[in-house]
Amino acid sequence: MAADGYTSLQYVQVREVKCSTFSTWLQFNPKRIVSTGAKVDAKSINSRRCFLCVDHLPPEQKGVLYENDFLVLCNPMPIFPAHYTVSHLKHLPQLIDPYLDTFLRLARDLSPKFTIFYNGARCGASAPDHIHFQIAPAGKIPIEQEAAEAQRRERVGEIDGVAILTLRDLGRAVSVFEGTNLENVARVIRHQLAKMKAILNIADEPKINVVCSYSTPQWRVILFPRRKHRPEVFFKEGDGKVVISPASVDMGGLIITPVEKDFNTVDANMIEEIYREVSWDEAMVRKMLPD
């Protein structure tokens, strides 16, 4: 499976779509239809075997143990030439809060070659019932470069040495946290999650995607607060249907299109509309920032 997945990357097509104030890249990757089109409703999840549970892995599957709790596995349907899934040994819910410190340590331990990302259970995780992260080669998600561009960065505050920023002109609202102390970075992000819950009046984890990198001595955590999982065009019938289901990579500017028609026809207007539809607006995101 992995050999087929990585071989298929040789035939993946990519094209740039220039939007009003930013660019995105579409990747035509048919193998990703399994993840992009995954049924993640409670009934579907409860009626299938969890493919990340150790007992359900293919007999040939090998992994690298991380901190005695997580297993680093190859992803057999890769987006990148090196793409890994980091799943917990136990079947526990997809929630980042209990494992945020692990997430940050993993980013540090994999630097400078890799970036890690997290898809919330209700906005991109194809296994919303089993805690896992993913690993990509550093610099392959466009938001990584955009978050470093001086003209986009707006510093809005600092807590315990952790800088809090937003990014301008990206068509979707983004929060960025930068700091050199792991415990402080984790605490500020937990504060953000708690504030989001309070503002949205919800008990569950808010819809988020997270991209994290480490460059000595600093973490950079890019957080996308999400309003909804999938855009309306995903649910249309016939030619009006567009199979784009935004998760961290897509929100980061590399949009996976497993259907060739979509790869050929999606334009700047549709991308901007999808980002607007699935993201909270700038005013709401600023309100959600920790203070």
Protein backbone atom coordinates (compact mmCIF):
# COMPACT_ATOMS: atom_id res chain seq x y z
CA MET A 1 0.00 0.00 0.00
CA ALA A 2 2.72 2.44 0.95
CA ALA A 3 4.75 1.59 -2.16
CA ASP A 4 1.71 2.25 -4.34
CA GLY A 5 0.97 5.48 -2.48
CA TYR A 6 4.47 6.86 -2.84
CA THR A 7 4.74 5.73 -6.47
CA SER A 8 1.52 7.61 -7.21
CA LEU A 9 3.15 10.86 -6.04
CA GLN A 10 5.25 10.78 -9.22
CA TYR A 11 2.05 11.44 -11.16
CA VAL A 12 0.51 14.03 -8.84
CA GLN A 13 -0.21 17.34 -10.58
CA VAL A 14 0.08 20.74 -8.90
CA ARG A 15 -1.05 24.14 -10.11
CA GLU A 16 -0.96 27.57 -8.52
CA VAL A 17 -4.16 29.58 -8.11
CA LYS A 18 -3.57 33.26 -7.44
CA CYS A 19 -6.28 34.74 -5.25
CA SER A 20 -6.78 38.43 -4.50
CA THR A 21 -4.10 38.80 -1.80
CA PHE A 22 -2.55 35.34 -1.57
CA SER A 23 -1.77 32.22 -3.58
CA THR A 24 -2.78 28.61 -3.07
CA TRP A 25 -1.71 25.41 -4.77
CA LEU A 26 -4.07 22.66 -5.90
CA GLN A 27 -2.77 19.10 -5.77
CA PHE A 28 -4.53 16.49 -7.92
CA ASN A 29 -4.01 13.35 -5.85
CA PRO A 30 -6.56 10.57 -6.56
CA LYS A 31 -5.25 8.35 -3.74
CA ARG A 32 -6.47 10.92 -1.20
CA ILE A 33 -10.14 10.30 -2.02
CA VAL A 34 -10.28 7.87 0.93
CA SER A 35 -9.36 10.62 3.41
CA THR A 36 -10.96 13.60 1.67
CA GLY A 37 -14.26 11.80 1.23
CA ALA A 38 -14.20 9.92 4.53
CA LYS A 39 -17.51 9.51 6.33
CA VAL A 40 -16.91 10.97 9.79
CA ASP A 41 -20.44 10.99 11.22
CA ALA A 42 -20.92 9.11 14.49
CA LYS A 43 -22.83 6.23 12.90
CA SER A 44 -20.13 5.59 10.29
CA ILE A 45 -17.33 5.84 12.86
CA ASN A 46 -19.05 3.46 15.27
CA SER A 47 -19.72 0.89 12.55
CA ARG A 48 -16.12 0.50 11.34
CA ARG A 49 -12.95 -0.88 12.88
CA CYS A 50 -10.51 1.84 13.90
CA PHE A 51 -7.65 1.59 11.42
CA LEU A 52 -5.21 3.25 13.85
CA CYS A 53 -5.63 0.77 16.68
CA VAL A 54 -2.54 -1.39 17.07
CA ASP A 55 -4.56 -4.62 16.81
CA HIS A 56 -6.02 -3.49 13.47
CA LEU A 57 -2.80 -2.42 11.74
CA PRO A 58 -1.71 -4.55 8.78
CA PRO A 59 0.57 -7.40 9.91
CA GLU A 60 3.39 -5.91 7.81
CA GLN A 61 3.10 -2.49 9.47
CA LYS A 62 6.12 -1.36 11.45
CA GLY A 63 6.39 1.75 13.60
CA VAL A 64 8.72 3.80 15.76
CA LEU A 65 7.72 4.16 19.40
CA TYR A 66 7.66 7.75 20.66
CA GLU A 67 7.61 8.54 24.39
CA ASN A 68 6.13 5.08 25.11
CA ASP A 69 2.66 6.29 24.14
CA PHE A 70 2.68 7.02 20.42
CA LEU A 71 3.63 5.06 17.32
CA VAL A 72 5.10 6.79 14.26
CA LEU A 73 3.70 5.07 11.16
CA CYS A 74 4.12 5.58 7.43
CA ASN A 75 1.03 7.05 5.77
CA PRO A 76 0.15 4.78 2.83
CA MET A 77 -1.84 7.54 1.09
CA PRO A 78 0.72 10.34 1.22
CA ILE A 79 0.38 14.00 0.28
CA PHE A 80 4.14 14.49 0.61
CA PRO A 81 7.24 12.45 -0.31
CA ALA A 82 7.65 11.85 3.43
CA HIS A 83 4.31 11.65 5.28
CA TYR A 84 3.77 9.98 8.63
CA THR A 85 0.97 9.44 11.11
CA VAL A 86 1.69 9.51 14.85
CA SER A 87 -1.06 7.61 16.65
CA HIS A 88 -1.57 6.75 20.31
CA LEU A 89 -1.17 3.14 21.37
CA LYS A 90 -4.58 3.37 23.07
CA HIS A 91 -7.93 4.11 21.45
CA LEU A 92 -8.52 7.59 22.89
CA PRO A 93 -10.49 10.52 21.40
CA GLN A 94 -8.97 13.02 19.00
CA LEU A 95 -8.34 15.87 21.47
CA ILE A 96 -5.18 17.95 21.42
CA ASP A 97 -5.37 19.43 24.93
CA PRO A 98 -4.19 16.32 26.86
CA TYR A 99 -1.30 15.81 24.40
CA LEU A 100 -0.32 19.39 23.63
CA ASP A 101 3.04 19.09 25.41
CA THR A 102 3.78 15.89 23.46
CA PHE A 103 2.80 17.66 20.24
CA LEU A 104 5.29 20.46 20.95
CA ARG A 105 8.07 18.06 21.96
CA LEU A 106 7.49 16.08 18.78
CA ALA A 107 7.88 19.24 16.68
CA ARG A 108 11.15 20.00 18.46
CA ASP A 109 12.46 16.44 18.18
CA LEU A 110 11.69 16.29 14.44
CA SER A 111 13.14 19.70 13.62
CA PRO A 112 14.52 21.01 11.37
CA LYS A 113 13.46 18.47 8.76
CA PHE A 114 9.78 18.13 9.61
CA THR A 115 6.62 20.05 10.52
CA ILE A 116 3.74 18.44 12.39
CA PHE A 117 0.04 19.09 12.19
CA TYR A 118 -3.22 18.23 13.95
CA ASN A 119 -6.72 17.98 12.52
CA GLY A 120 -9.56 18.35 14.98
CA ALA A 121 -12.11 15.56 15.24
CA ARG A 122 -14.73 17.69 13.52
CA CYS A 123 -12.64 19.38 10.85
CA GLY A 124 -10.43 17.04 8.90
CA ALA A 125 -9.44 14.03 11.00
CA SER A 126 -10.33 10.86 9.09
CA ALA A 127 -9.99 8.98 12.43
CA PRO A 128 -11.83 11.34 14.82
CA ASP A 129 -12.07 8.60 17.43
CA HIS A 130 -8.31 7.97 17.83
CA ILE A 131 -5.79 10.64 18.86
CA HIS A 132 -3.14 11.18 16.21
CA PHE A 133 -0.93 13.81 14.62
CA GLN A 134 0.73 13.89 11.21
CA ILE A 135 4.21 14.73 9.99
CA ALA A 136 5.18 16.53 6.77
CA PRO A 137 8.53 17.71 5.38
CA ALA A 138 9.32 21.20 6.66
CA GLY A 139 8.34 24.03 4.34
CA LYS A 140 5.90 22.06 2.19
CA ILE A 141 2.77 23.74 3.56
CA PRO A 142 2.59 27.30 2.13
CA ILE A 143 1.42 28.88 5.41
CA GLU A 144 4.85 28.08 6.87
CA GLN A 145 6.45 30.68 4.59
CA GLU A 146 3.56 33.13 4.83
CA ALA A 147 3.71 33.14 8.63
CA ALA A 148 7.29 34.43 8.38
CA GLU A 149 6.53 37.28 5.94
CA ALA A 150 6.92 40.59 7.77
CA GLN A 151 4.16 42.34 5.81
CA ARG A 152 1.60 39.71 6.87
CA ARG A 153 2.47 39.55 10.55
CA GLU A 154 0.54 41.63 13.07
CA ARG A 155 1.59 41.23 16.67
CA VAL A 156 -1.43 41.66 18.92
CA GLY A 157 -0.05 40.70 22.33
CA GLU A 158 2.31 38.69 24.49
CA ILE A 159 1.69 36.40 27.46
CA ASP A 160 4.52 34.86 29.49
CA GLY A 161 6.99 35.46 26.70
CA VAL A 162 4.69 33.94 24.06
CA ALA A 163 4.00 36.31 21.17
CA ILE A 164 0.44 36.28 19.81
CA LEU A 165 0.00 37.29 16.18
CA THR A 166 -2.53 37.30 13.38
CA LEU A 167 -1.73 37.11 9.67
CA ARG A 168 -3.07 39.61 7.14
CA ASP A 169 -4.58 39.10 3.69
CA LEU A 170 -4.82 35.32 3.59
CA GLY A 171 -8.54 34.98 2.97
CA ARG A 172 -9.00 33.15 6.28
CA ALA A 173 -8.30 34.26 9.83
CA VAL A 174 -5.23 32.70 11.45
CA SER A 175 -3.74 32.84 14.97
CA VAL A 176 -0.01 32.38 15.49
CA PHE A 177 1.82 31.69 18.76
CA GLU A 178 5.59 31.95 19.05
CA GLY A 179 7.69 31.23 22.11
CA THR A 180 10.80 29.52 23.44
CA ASN A 181 9.36 27.94 26.60
CA LEU A 182 7.33 24.79 25.97
CA GLU A 183 5.19 25.03 29.09
CA ASN A 184 4.30 28.67 28.41
CA VAL A 185 3.44 28.00 24.76
CA ALA A 186 1.21 25.09 25.78
CA ARG A 187 -0.48 27.16 28.49
CA VAL A 188 -1.28 30.05 26.13
CA ILE A 189 -2.75 27.69 23.52
CA ARG A 190 -4.85 25.98 26.18
CA HIS A 191 -6.06 29.43 27.20
CA GLN A 192 -7.08 30.06 23.58
CA LEU A 193 -9.00 26.77 23.41
CA ALA A 194 -10.79 27.54 26.68
CA LYS A 195 -11.70 31.01 25.46
CA MET A 196 -13.04 29.59 22.20
CA LYS A 197 -15.22 27.17 24.15
CA ALA A 198 -16.56 29.98 26.32
CA ILE A 199 -17.32 32.30 23.40
CA LEU A 200 -18.93 29.56 21.34
CA ASN A 201 -20.72 28.14 24.39
CA ILE A 202 -19.60 24.58 23.69
CA ALA A 203 -18.26 21.77 25.89
CA ASP A 204 -16.38 19.86 23.19
CA GLU A 205 -13.10 20.82 21.58
CA PRO A 206 -13.67 23.70 19.16
CA LYS A 207 -13.07 23.05 15.48
CA ILE A 208 -9.38 23.70 14.86
CA ASN A 209 -6.48 22.80 12.61
CA VAL A 210 -2.95 23.29 13.90
CA VAL A 211 0.43 23.42 12.11
CA CYS A 212 3.53 23.47 14.32
CA SER A 213 7.23 23.89 13.59
CA TYR A 214 10.33 24.42 15.67
CA SER A 215 13.41 26.41 14.77
CA THR A 216 15.92 26.66 17.61
CA PRO A 217 15.03 28.03 20.08
CA GLN A 218 11.44 28.86 19.11
CA TRP A 219 8.14 27.10 18.44
CA ARG A 220 5.72 28.55 15.92
CA VAL A 221 2.16 27.25 16.29
CA ILE A 222 -0.29 28.26 13.54
CA LEU A 223 -3.91 27.75 14.53
CA PHE A 224 -6.93 27.90 12.22
CA PRO A 225 -10.19 28.44 14.16
CA ARG A 226 -12.91 26.77 12.07
CA ARG A 227 -16.58 27.61 11.75
CA LYS A 228 -17.51 24.44 9.86
CA HIS A 229 -15.89 21.32 8.48
CA ARG A 230 -16.92 21.12 4.83
CA PRO A 231 -18.18 23.76 2.38
CA GLU A 232 -21.62 23.56 0.79
CA VAL A 233 -20.15 22.57 -2.60
CA PHE A 234 -18.91 19.31 -1.05
CA PHE A 235 -22.51 18.17 -0.55
CA LYS A 236 -23.91 19.13 -3.95
CA GLU A 237 -24.96 16.50 -6.48
CA GLY A 238 -23.69 16.04 -10.01
CA ASP A 239 -21.39 18.55 -11.69
CA GLY A 240 -21.89 21.08 -8.90
CA LYS A 241 -20.12 18.85 -6.37
CA VAL A 242 -16.54 19.80 -5.49
CA VAL A 243 -14.63 17.25 -3.38
CA ILE A 244 -12.61 19.62 -1.19
CA SER A 245 -12.70 18.87 2.54
CA PRO A 246 -10.35 21.38 4.21
CA ALA A 247 -7.99 20.12 6.90
CA SER A 248 -4.64 21.50 8.09
CA VAL A 249 -2.79 21.12 4.80
CA ASP A 250 -5.65 22.64 2.80
CA MET A 251 -6.11 25.50 5.26
CA GLY A 252 -2.35 25.97 5.00
CA GLY A 253 -2.63 26.68 1.29
CA LEU A 254 -2.07 23.27 -0.35
CA ILE A 255 -5.56 22.18 -1.37
CA ILE A 256 -5.99 18.48 -2.12
CA THR A 257 -8.32 17.70 -5.01
CA PRO A 258 -8.69 13.93 -5.50
CA VAL A 259 -11.11 14.47 -8.44
CA GLU A 260 -9.55 15.62 -11.72
CA LYS A 261 -12.55 17.77 -12.69
CA ASP A 262 -12.12 19.82 -9.53
CA PHE A 263 -8.39 20.21 -10.08
CA ASN A 264 -9.06 21.61 -13.55
CA THR A 265 -11.99 23.89 -12.72
CA VAL A 266 -11.59 25.26 -9.19
CA ASP A 267 -10.69 28.94 -9.43
CA ALA A 268 -9.71 31.80 -7.13
CA ASN A 269 -13.30 32.82 -6.43
CA MET A 270 -14.23 29.34 -5.27
CA ILE A 271 -11.14 29.03 -3.06
CA GLU A 272 -11.82 32.38 -1.42
CA GLU A 273 -15.46 31.43 -0.88
CA ILE A 274 -14.53 28.05 0.65
CA TYR A 275 -12.08 29.70 3.05
CA ARG A 276 -14.68 32.31 4.05
CA GLU A 277 -17.31 29.65 4.58
CA VAL A 278 -15.29 27.30 6.78
CA SER A 279 -13.39 29.95 8.80
CA TRP A 280 -14.45 32.41 11.46
CA ASP A 281 -14.10 36.02 10.41
CA GLU A 282 -11.28 38.27 11.59
CA ALA A 283 -13.35 40.01 14.27
CA MET A 284 -14.43 36.71 15.84
CA VAL A 285 -10.91 35.26 15.78
CA ARG A 286 -9.51 38.36 17.49
CA LYS A 287 -12.20 38.01 20.13
CA MET A 288 -11.07 34.41 20.70
CA LEU A 289 -7.42 35.32 21.29
CA PRO A 290 -6.15 34.82 24.86
CA ASP A 291 -5.55 37.94 26.94
